[in-house]
């Protein structure tokens, strides 16, 4: 079946633990629930692709923490998605550096399954800032995770960077950006921290030492300038890439392209209509 090209987003709602700033829909990992969920995904992906008559030219597996489930299960998930994919499909998986650095994740298996892009949740290269954000791994773990992905043949790697986090300064931000460049990644996503209701940060908002509005603006502008200086050109409000490594999936959202979202809290835009699955 030849359909119209669209992006496919697959939500994996499992994590080892909940980060204090995170508002995305996720649950603590339960292996039995994960097996049942994957069985449902494997049935649902082809059914919805046929229903909306789409082929996929980008696939993005996000969460949650997809890497907590391991490469073999993620590869199973990608099987039905690839049945409807074009030949040069961009396939991205979100990775926690903790899973990759501890060798719980086989990048070679991911590559065999078709993954050609990794989005890694670093948030900061400063270990003090990482601890404040509830991250389980350190700076060295991030370095090791990036290298393991590169050694497997996946060189299209993005690192997430958070701005205006507790304790962050212009100098610590510059150090995190230098870390990204020195690691040889191709893309950086730089997001300003937002305190969302229902998170631990929201409950403790009066105790957090956060930059004020002017300092937040300075951090954002510093990120834009420093990233460009190091070859990462801004192509969207929060995304920066070496030329040719812009995320095609991100651009679908930005340019009002069509995409199908599968899983709890996943959103879709197909045939001029927007819809989503409940956070359940």
C-alpha atoms as a PDB file:
ATOM      1  CA  UNK A   1       0.000   0.000   0.000  1.00  0.00           C
ATOM      2  CA  UNK A   2       1.368   3.401  -0.982  1.00  0.00           C
ATOM      3  CA  UNK A   3      -0.047   6.172   1.184  1.00  0.00           C
ATOM      4  CA  UNK A   4       0.832   9.775   1.896  1.00  0.00           C
ATOM      5  CA  UNK A   5       4.002  10.394   3.921  1.00  0.00           C
ATOM      6  CA  UNK A   6       3.553  11.247   7.598  1.00  0.00           C
ATOM      7  CA  UNK A   7       5.552  11.132  10.799  1.00  0.00           C
ATOM      8  CA  UNK A   8       4.906   8.423  13.387  1.00  0.00           C
ATOM      9  CA  UNK A   9       5.322   9.089  17.097  1.00  0.00           C
ATOM     10  CA  UNK A  10       5.271   6.088  19.472  1.00  0.00           C
ATOM     11  CA  UNK A  11       4.972   6.833  23.187  1.00  0.00           C
ATOM     12  CA  UNK A  12       6.693   4.492  25.653  1.00  0.00           C
ATOM     13  CA  UNK A  13       5.201   5.378  29.055  1.00  0.00           C
ATOM     14  CA  UNK A  14       7.744   3.673  31.339  1.00  0.00           C
ATOM     15  CA  UNK A  15      10.617   5.072  33.455  1.00  0.00           C
ATOM     16  CA  UNK A  16      12.922   3.839  36.205  1.00  0.00           C
ATOM     17  CA  UNK A  17      11.888   6.848  38.281  1.00  0.00           C
ATOM     18  CA  UNK A  18      10.085  10.147  37.738  1.00  0.00           C
ATOM     19  CA  UNK A  19      12.290  13.219  37.278  1.00  0.00           C
ATOM     20  CA  UNK A  20      11.165  16.122  39.500  1.00  0.00           C
ATOM     21  CA  UNK A  21      10.524  18.478  36.561  1.00  0.00           C
ATOM     22  CA  UNK A  22       8.775  16.013  34.219  1.00  0.00           C
ATOM     23  CA  UNK A  23       5.123  16.489  33.241  1.00  0.00           C
ATOM     24  CA  UNK A  24       5.059  13.848  30.473  1.00  0.00           C
ATOM     25  CA  UNK A  25       2.789  10.841  30.981  1.00  0.00           C
ATOM     26  CA  UNK A  26       4.846   8.006  32.447  1.00  0.00           C
ATOM     27  CA  UNK A  27       4.677   5.143  34.947  1.00  0.00           C
ATOM     28  CA  UNK A  28       7.297   3.236  36.913  1.00  0.00           C
ATOM     29  CA  UNK A  29       8.511   0.291  34.811  1.00  0.00           C
ATOM     30  CA  UNK A  30       6.566  -2.945  35.294  1.00  0.00           C
ATOM     31  CA  UNK A  31       7.865  -5.743  33.063  1.00  0.00           C
ATOM     32  CA  UNK A  32       4.519  -7.516  32.713  1.00  0.00           C
ATOM     33  CA  UNK A  33       2.704  -4.286  31.865  1.00  0.00           C
ATOM     34  CA  UNK A  34       5.454  -3.442  29.360  1.00  0.00           C
ATOM     35  CA  UNK A  35       4.994  -6.803  27.576  1.00  0.00           C
ATOM     36  CA  UNK A  36       1.232  -6.303  27.338  1.00  0.00           C
ATOM     37  CA  UNK A  37       1.751  -2.734  26.112  1.00  0.00           C
ATOM     38  CA  UNK A  38       4.176  -3.798  23.380  1.00  0.00           C
ATOM     39  CA  UNK A  39       1.841  -6.536  22.191  1.00  0.00           C
ATOM     40  CA  UNK A  40      -0.876  -3.888  21.851  1.00  0.00           C
ATOM     41  CA  UNK A  41       1.467  -1.524  19.969  1.00  0.00           C
ATOM     42  CA  UNK A  42       2.462  -4.239  17.513  1.00  0.00           C
ATOM     43  CA  UNK A  43      -1.220  -4.724  16.634  1.00  0.00           C
ATOM     44  CA  UNK A  44      -2.151  -1.059  16.703  1.00  0.00           C
ATOM     45  CA  UNK A  45       0.583   0.442  14.506  1.00  0.00           C
ATOM     46  CA  UNK A  46      -0.373  -1.360  11.245  1.00  0.00           C
ATOM     47  CA  UNK A  47      -4.093  -0.971  11.986  1.00  0.00           C
ATOM     48  CA  UNK A  48      -3.824   2.818  12.305  1.00  0.00           C
ATOM     49  CA  UNK A  49      -1.390   3.160   9.395  1.00  0.00           C
ATOM     50  CA  UNK A  50      -3.932   1.387   7.175  1.00  0.00           C
ATOM     51  CA  UNK A  51      -6.851   3.365   8.591  1.00  0.00           C
ATOM     52  CA  UNK A  52      -5.230   6.696   7.726  1.00  0.00           C
ATOM     53  CA  UNK A  53      -3.495   5.398   4.575  1.00  0.00           C
ATOM     54  CA  UNK A  54      -0.033   6.666   5.514  1.00  0.00           C
ATOM     55  CA  UNK A  55       3.551   5.690   4.917  1.00  0.00           C
ATOM     56  CA  UNK A  56       6.092   6.972   7.413  1.00  0.00           C
ATOM     57  CA  UNK A  57       9.143   8.999   6.486  1.00  0.00           C
ATOM     58  CA  UNK A  58       9.995   9.730  10.142  1.00  0.00           C
ATOM     59  CA  UNK A  59       9.514   7.581  13.250  1.00  0.00           C
ATOM     60  CA  UNK A  60      10.139   8.943  16.735  1.00  0.00           C
ATOM     61  CA  UNK A  61      10.040   6.699  19.814  1.00  0.00           C
ATOM     62  CA  UNK A  62       9.722   8.899  22.890  1.00  0.00           C
ATOM     63  CA  UNK A  63       8.523   8.727  26.441  1.00  0.00           C
ATOM     64  CA  UNK A  64       8.887   8.122  29.237  1.00  0.00           C
ATOM     65  CA  UNK A  65      12.218   6.382  28.805  1.00  0.00           C
ATOM     66  CA  UNK A  66      12.221   4.027  25.788  1.00  0.00           C
ATOM     67  CA  UNK A  67      15.759   2.793  26.521  1.00  0.00           C
ATOM     68  CA  UNK A  68      14.678   1.330  29.874  1.00  0.00           C
ATOM     69  CA  UNK A  69      13.063  -1.515  27.890  1.00  0.00           C
ATOM     70  CA  UNK A  70      16.212  -2.556  26.041  1.00  0.00           C
ATOM     71  CA  UNK A  71      17.095  -2.819  22.363  1.00  0.00           C
ATOM     72  CA  UNK A  72      15.392  -6.159  21.684  1.00  0.00           C
ATOM     73  CA  UNK A  73      11.942  -4.971  22.724  1.00  0.00           C
ATOM     74  CA  UNK A  74      12.381  -1.643  20.930  1.00  0.00           C
ATOM     75  CA  UNK A  75      13.381  -3.561  17.800  1.00  0.00           C
ATOM     76  CA  UNK A  76      10.162  -5.594  18.029  1.00  0.00           C
ATOM     77  CA  UNK A  77       8.212  -2.343  18.259  1.00  0.00           C
ATOM     78  CA  UNK A  78       9.915  -1.005  15.138  1.00  0.00           C
ATOM     79  CA  UNK A  79       9.093  -4.105  13.076  1.00  0.00           C
ATOM     80  CA  UNK A  80       5.496  -3.150  12.219  1.00  0.00           C
ATOM     81  CA  UNK A  81       6.428   0.540  11.947  1.00  0.00           C
ATOM     82  CA  UNK A  82       9.043  -0.234   9.294  1.00  0.00           C
ATOM     83  CA  UNK A  83       6.491  -2.133   7.189  1.00  0.00           C
ATOM     84  CA  UNK A  84       4.989   1.268   6.363  1.00  0.00           C
ATOM     85  CA  UNK A  85       8.257   3.251   6.193  1.00  0.00           C
ATOM     86  CA  UNK A  86       9.936   4.768   3.151  1.00  0.00           C
ATOM     87  CA  UNK A  87      13.480   3.679   2.347  1.00  0.00           C
ATOM     88  CA  UNK A  88      15.327   6.673   3.884  1.00  0.00           C
ATOM     89  CA  UNK A  89      13.064   6.959   6.929  1.00  0.00           C
ATOM     90  CA  UNK A  90      14.539   8.918   9.867  1.00  0.00           C
ATOM     91  CA  UNK A  91      14.114   6.687  12.958  1.00  0.00           C
ATOM     92  CA  UNK A  92      14.853   8.299  16.319  1.00  0.00           C
ATOM     93  CA  UNK A  93      14.859   6.694  19.777  1.00  0.00           C
ATOM     94  CA  UNK A  94      15.090   8.621  23.040  1.00  0.00           C
ATOM     95  CA  UNK A  95      17.837   7.257  25.281  1.00  0.00           C
ATOM     96  CA  UNK A  96      18.708   7.766  28.937  1.00  0.00           C
ATOM     97  CA  UNK A  97      22.530   7.904  29.250  1.00  0.00           C
ATOM     98  CA  UNK A  98      22.245   5.735  32.384  1.00  0.00           C
ATOM     99  CA  UNK A  99      20.895   2.792  30.356  1.00  0.00           C
ATOM    100  CA  UNK A 100      23.507   3.182  27.629  1.00  0.00           C
ATOM    101  CA  UNK A 101      26.548   3.741  29.848  1.00  0.00           C
ATOM    102  CA  UNK A 102      25.786   0.706  32.009  1.00  0.00           C
ATOM    103  CA  UNK A 103      25.725  -1.473  28.866  1.00  0.00           C
ATOM    104  CA  UNK A 104      22.056  -2.292  29.372  1.00  0.00           C
ATOM    105  CA  UNK A 105      21.406  -1.110  25.827  1.00  0.00           C
ATOM    106  CA  UNK A 106      22.778  -2.761  22.696  1.00  0.00           C
ATOM    107  CA  UNK A 107      23.205  -0.004  20.102  1.00  0.00           C
ATOM    108  CA  UNK A 108      24.199  -2.537  17.433  1.00  0.00           C
ATOM    109  CA  UNK A 109      20.790  -4.211  17.818  1.00  0.00           C
ATOM    110  CA  UNK A 110      19.067  -0.834  17.556  1.00  0.00           C
ATOM    111  CA  UNK A 111      20.983  -0.079  14.376  1.00  0.00           C
ATOM    112  CA  UNK A 112      20.019  -3.468  12.914  1.00  0.00           C
ATOM    113  CA  UNK A 113      16.377  -2.643  13.700  1.00  0.00           C
ATOM    114  CA  UNK A 114      16.688   0.536  11.608  1.00  0.00           C
ATOM    115  CA  UNK A 115      17.455   3.203  14.219  1.00  0.00           C
ATOM    116  CA  UNK A 116      19.619   5.908  12.638  1.00  0.00           C
ATOM    117  CA  UNK A 117      19.179   8.768  15.111  1.00  0.00           C
ATOM    118  CA  UNK A 118      19.509   8.964  18.907  1.00  0.00           C
ATOM    119  CA  UNK A 119      18.093  11.666  21.184  1.00  0.00           C
ATOM    120  CA  UNK A 120      19.844  11.509  24.546  1.00  0.00           C
ATOM    121  CA  UNK A 121      18.541  13.154  27.734  1.00  0.00           C
ATOM    122  CA  UNK A 122      21.672  14.798  29.090  1.00  0.00           C
ATOM    123  CA  UNK A 123      20.040  18.024  30.428  1.00  0.00           C
ATOM    124  CA  UNK A 124      23.418  19.288  31.739  1.00  0.00           C
ATOM    125  CA  UNK A 125      27.069  18.275  31.696  1.00  0.00           C
ATOM    126  CA  UNK A 126      27.431  19.682  35.223  1.00  0.00           C
ATOM    127  CA  UNK A 127      27.007  16.887  37.759  1.00  0.00           C
ATOM    128  CA  UNK A 128      25.628  19.220  40.436  1.00  0.00           C
ATOM    129  CA  UNK A 129      22.932  20.449  38.048  1.00  0.00           C
ATOM    130  CA  UNK A 130      22.212  16.876  36.952  1.00  0.00           C
ATOM    131  CA  UNK A 131      21.680  15.777  40.563  1.00  0.00           C
ATOM    132  CA  UNK A 132      19.302  18.708  41.127  1.00  0.00           C
ATOM    133  CA  UNK A 133      17.325  17.478  38.099  1.00  0.00           C
ATOM    134  CA  UNK A 134      17.122  13.932  39.462  1.00  0.00           C
ATOM    135  CA  UNK A 135      19.378  12.405  36.808  1.00  0.00           C
ATOM    136  CA  UNK A 136      20.906   9.029  37.719  1.00  0.00           C
ATOM    137  CA  UNK A 137      24.084   9.280  35.638  1.00  0.00           C
ATOM    138  CA  UNK A 138      27.044  11.654  35.587  1.00  0.00           C
ATOM    139  CA  UNK A 139      29.006  13.547  32.948  1.00  0.00           C
ATOM    140  CA  UNK A 140      31.313  10.585  32.298  1.00  0.00           C
ATOM    141  CA  UNK A 141      28.312   8.318  31.730  1.00  0.00           C
ATOM    142  CA  UNK A 142      27.020  10.706  29.066  1.00  0.00           C
ATOM    143  CA  UNK A 143      30.424  10.661  27.327  1.00  0.00           C
ATOM    144  CA  UNK A 144      30.470   6.865  27.393  1.00  0.00           C
ATOM    145  CA  UNK A 145      26.887   6.605  26.121  1.00  0.00           C
ATOM    146  CA  UNK A 146      27.608   8.913  23.177  1.00  0.00           C
ATOM    147  CA  UNK A 147      30.764   6.984  22.297  1.00  0.00           C
ATOM    148  CA  UNK A 148      28.969   3.618  22.427  1.00  0.00           C
ATOM    149  CA  UNK A 149      26.321   4.933  20.030  1.00  0.00           C
ATOM    150  CA  UNK A 150      28.972   6.317  17.679  1.00  0.00           C
ATOM    151  CA  UNK A 151      30.976   3.077  17.792  1.00  0.00           C
ATOM    152  CA  UNK A 152      27.855   1.181  16.696  1.00  0.00           C
ATOM    153  CA  UNK A 153      27.673   3.306  13.538  1.00  0.00           C
ATOM    154  CA  UNK A 154      24.935   5.721  14.689  1.00  0.00           C
ATOM    155  CA  UNK A 155      26.506   9.149  14.352  1.00  0.00           C
ATOM    156  CA  UNK A 156      23.326  11.257  14.187  1.00  0.00           C
ATOM    157  CA  UNK A 157      23.077  12.004  17.913  1.00  0.00           C
ATOM    158  CA  UNK A 158      21.216  14.783  19.701  1.00  0.00           C
ATOM    159  CA  UNK A 159      21.770  15.864  23.306  1.00  0.00           C
ATOM    160  CA  UNK A 160      19.062  17.545  25.367  1.00  0.00           C
ATOM    161  CA  UNK A 161      20.137  20.630  27.292  1.00  0.00           C
ATOM    162  CA  UNK A 162      17.978  22.373  29.909  1.00  0.00           C
ATOM    163  CA  UNK A 163      18.232  26.106  30.526  1.00  0.00           C
ATOM    164  CA  UNK A 164      17.483  28.037  33.739  1.00  0.00           C
ATOM    165  CA  UNK A 165      17.805  24.985  35.980  1.00  0.00           C
ATOM    166  CA  UNK A 166      18.650  25.248  39.702  1.00  0.00           C
ATOM    167  CA  UNK A 167      22.188  26.504  40.216  1.00  0.00           C
ATOM    168  CA  UNK A 168      22.940  27.101  36.521  1.00  0.00           C
ATOM    169  CA  UNK A 169      25.211  30.002  35.541  1.00  0.00           C
ATOM    170  CA  UNK A 170      26.343  31.385  32.198  1.00  0.00           C
ATOM    171  CA  UNK A 171      29.723  29.707  32.747  1.00  0.00           C
ATOM    172  CA  UNK A 172      28.240  26.289  33.600  1.00  0.00           C
ATOM    173  CA  UNK A 173      25.982  26.548  30.537  1.00  0.00           C
ATOM    174  CA  UNK A 174      28.964  27.368  28.317  1.00  0.00           C
ATOM    175  CA  UNK A 175      30.740  24.307  29.719  1.00  0.00           C
ATOM    176  CA  UNK A 176      27.748  22.082  28.877  1.00  0.00           C
ATOM    177  CA  UNK A 177      27.701  23.454  25.318  1.00  0.00           C
ATOM    178  CA  UNK A 178      31.443  22.858  24.954  1.00  0.00           C
ATOM    179  CA  UNK A 179      30.845  19.288  26.152  1.00  0.00           C
ATOM    180  CA  UNK A 180      28.247  18.760  23.395  1.00  0.00           C
ATOM    181  CA  UNK A 181      30.615  20.028  20.718  1.00  0.00           C
ATOM    182  CA  UNK A 182      33.596  18.046  22.008  1.00  0.00           C
ATOM    183  CA  UNK A 183      31.481  14.860  22.128  1.00  0.00           C
ATOM    184  CA  UNK A 184      30.927  15.110  18.365  1.00  0.00           C
ATOM    185  CA  UNK A 185      27.124  15.155  18.463  1.00  0.00           C
ATOM    186  CA  UNK A 186      25.221  16.641  15.509  1.00  0.00           C
ATOM    187  CA  UNK A 187      22.234  18.223  17.217  1.00  0.00           C
ATOM    188  CA  UNK A 188      21.324  19.960  20.482  1.00  0.00           C
ATOM    189  CA  UNK A 189      17.827  20.590  21.853  1.00  0.00           C
ATOM    190  CA  UNK A 190      17.930  23.428  24.393  1.00  0.00           C
ATOM    191  CA  UNK A 191      14.757  23.821  26.467  1.00  0.00           C
ATOM    192  CA  UNK A 192      13.966  26.379  29.150  1.00  0.00           C
ATOM    193  CA  UNK A 193      12.809  24.686  32.361  1.00  0.00           C
ATOM    194  CA  UNK A 194       9.127  25.249  33.051  1.00  0.00           C
ATOM    195  CA  UNK A 195       7.700  24.390  36.460  1.00  0.00           C
ATOM    196  CA  UNK A 196       4.583  22.327  35.696  1.00  0.00           C
ATOM    197  CA  UNK A 197       1.732  21.586  38.078  1.00  0.00           C
ATOM    198  CA  UNK A 198       1.723  18.051  39.417  1.00  0.00           C
ATOM    199  CA  UNK A 199       5.530  17.725  39.468  1.00  0.00           C
ATOM    200  CA  UNK A 200       7.828  17.545  42.499  1.00  0.00           C
ATOM    201  CA  UNK A 201       9.411  20.825  41.419  1.00  0.00           C
ATOM    202  CA  UNK A 202       5.972  22.448  41.553  1.00  0.00           C
ATOM    203  CA  UNK A 203       5.415  21.155  45.094  1.00  0.00           C
ATOM    204  CA  UNK A 204       8.803  22.555  46.158  1.00  0.00           C
ATOM    205  CA  UNK A 205       8.770  25.671  43.984  1.00  0.00           C
ATOM    206  CA  UNK A 206       9.267  27.966  46.968  1.00  0.00           C
ATOM    207  CA  UNK A 207      12.513  26.165  47.876  1.00  0.00           C
ATOM    208  CA  UNK A 208      14.106  26.161  44.415  1.00  0.00           C
ATOM    209  CA  UNK A 209      16.919  28.564  43.571  1.00  0.00           C
ATOM    210  CA  UNK A 210      16.004  29.470  39.994  1.00  0.00           C
ATOM    211  CA  UNK A 211      17.238  32.276  37.728  1.00  0.00           C
ATOM    212  CA  UNK A 212      14.874  35.239  37.450  1.00  0.00           C
ATOM    213  CA  UNK A 213      13.345  36.291  34.129  1.00  0.00           C
ATOM    214  CA  UNK A 214      16.275  38.480  33.053  1.00  0.00           C
ATOM    215  CA  UNK A 215      18.819  35.798  33.938  1.00  0.00           C
ATOM    216  CA  UNK A 216      16.735  33.189  32.065  1.00  0.00           C
ATOM    217  CA  UNK A 217      16.747  35.416  28.954  1.00  0.00           C
ATOM    218  CA  UNK A 218      20.516  35.810  29.268  1.00  0.00           C
ATOM    219  CA  UNK A 219      20.962  32.025  29.479  1.00  0.00           C
ATOM    220  CA  UNK A 220      18.797  31.464  26.403  1.00  0.00           C
ATOM    221  CA  UNK A 221      20.639  34.088  24.341  1.00  0.00           C
ATOM    222  CA  UNK A 222      23.968  32.683  25.542  1.00  0.00           C
ATOM    223  CA  UNK A 223      22.906  29.226  24.381  1.00  0.00           C
ATOM    224  CA  UNK A 224      21.930  30.550  20.928  1.00  0.00           C
ATOM    225  CA  UNK A 225      25.239  32.396  20.481  1.00  0.00           C
ATOM    226  CA  UNK A 226      27.510  29.675  21.887  1.00  0.00           C
ATOM    227  CA  UNK A 227      25.839  26.883  19.926  1.00  0.00           C
ATOM    228  CA  UNK A 228      26.088  28.817  16.671  1.00  0.00           C
ATOM    229  CA  UNK A 229      29.732  29.607  17.426  1.00  0.00           C
ATOM    230  CA  UNK A 230      30.341  25.854  17.630  1.00  0.00           C
ATOM    231  CA  UNK A 231      28.533  25.029  14.402  1.00  0.00           C
ATOM    232  CA  UNK A 232      25.013  24.261  15.677  1.00  0.00           C
ATOM    233  CA  UNK A 233      22.677  26.493  13.685  1.00  0.00           C
ATOM    234  CA  UNK A 234      19.275  27.372  15.143  1.00  0.00           C
ATOM    235  CA  UNK A 235      16.433  26.078  12.972  1.00  0.00           C
ATOM    236  CA  UNK A 236      13.595  26.224  15.491  1.00  0.00           C
ATOM    237  CA  UNK A 237      13.032  27.898  18.870  1.00  0.00           C
ATOM    238  CA  UNK A 238      14.669  25.123  20.897  1.00  0.00           C
ATOM    239  CA  UNK A 239      16.597  23.128  18.297  1.00  0.00           C
ATOM    240  CA  UNK A 240      20.089  23.565  16.886  1.00  0.00           C
ATOM    241  CA  UNK A 241      21.927  21.365  14.402  1.00  0.00           C
ATOM    242  CA  UNK A 242      24.949  21.042  12.200  1.00  0.00           C
ATOM    243  CA  UNK A 243      23.815  21.738   8.599  1.00  0.00           C
ATOM    244  CA  UNK A 244      22.041  18.675   7.223  1.00  0.00           C
ATOM    245  CA  UNK A 245      21.303  17.184  10.645  1.00  0.00           C
ATOM    246  CA  UNK A 246      18.069  19.020  11.440  1.00  0.00           C
ATOM    247  CA  UNK A 247      15.477  16.608  12.833  1.00  0.00           C
ATOM    248  CA  UNK A 248      12.996  15.872  10.063  1.00  0.00           C
ATOM    249  CA  UNK A 249      10.477  14.713  12.658  1.00  0.00           C
ATOM    250  CA  UNK A 250      10.758  17.945  14.687  1.00  0.00           C
ATOM    251  CA  UNK A 251      10.222  19.917  11.487  1.00  0.00           C
ATOM    252  CA  UNK A 252       6.910  18.154  10.868  1.00  0.00           C
ATOM    253  CA  UNK A 253       5.520  19.723  14.046  1.00  0.00           C
ATOM    254  CA  UNK A 254       7.045  23.098  13.232  1.00  0.00           C
ATOM    255  CA  UNK A 255       5.864  23.173   9.595  1.00  0.00           C
ATOM    256  CA  UNK A 256       2.375  21.715  10.258  1.00  0.00           C
ATOM    257  CA  UNK A 257       3.247  18.464   8.513  1.00  0.00           C
ATOM    258  CA  UNK A 258       1.141  15.377   9.200  1.00  0.00           C
ATOM    259  CA  UNK A 259       1.963  12.940  11.987  1.00  0.00           C
ATOM    260  CA  UNK A 260       0.286  10.047  13.763  1.00  0.00           C
ATOM    261  CA  UNK A 261       0.800   9.585  17.514  1.00  0.00           C
ATOM    262  CA  UNK A 262       0.262   6.210  19.185  1.00  0.00           C
ATOM    263  CA  UNK A 263       0.128   5.606  22.942  1.00  0.00           C
ATOM    264  CA  UNK A 264      -1.243   7.450  25.981  1.00  0.00           C
ATOM    265  CA  UNK A 265      -1.010  11.265  25.659  1.00  0.00           C
ATOM    266  CA  UNK A 266       0.183  10.986  22.023  1.00  0.00           C
ATOM    267  CA  UNK A 267      -1.147  13.645  19.633  1.00  0.00           C
ATOM    268  CA  UNK A 268      -1.877  13.384  15.905  1.00  0.00           C
ATOM    269  CA  UNK A 269      -2.490  15.739  12.986  1.00  0.00           C
ATOM    270  CA  UNK A 270      -3.922  13.856   9.993  1.00  0.00           C
ATOM    271  CA  UNK A 271      -6.187  15.096   7.209  1.00  0.00           C
ATOM    272  CA  UNK A 272      -6.519  18.557   8.726  1.00  0.00           C
ATOM    273  CA  UNK A 273      -7.763  17.098  12.024  1.00  0.00           C
ATOM    274  CA  UNK A 274      -6.025  17.120  15.408  1.00  0.00           C
ATOM    275  CA  UNK A 275      -6.741  14.417  17.996  1.00  0.00           C
ATOM    276  CA  UNK A 276      -5.015  12.656  20.873  1.00  0.00           C
ATOM    277  CA  UNK A 277      -5.164   9.653  23.173  1.00  0.00           C
ATOM    278  CA  UNK A 278      -5.955  10.296  26.859  1.00  0.00           C
ATOM    279  CA  UNK A 279      -3.213  10.250  29.527  1.00  0.00           C
ATOM    280  CA  UNK A 280      -4.183   6.796  30.692  1.00  0.00           C
END
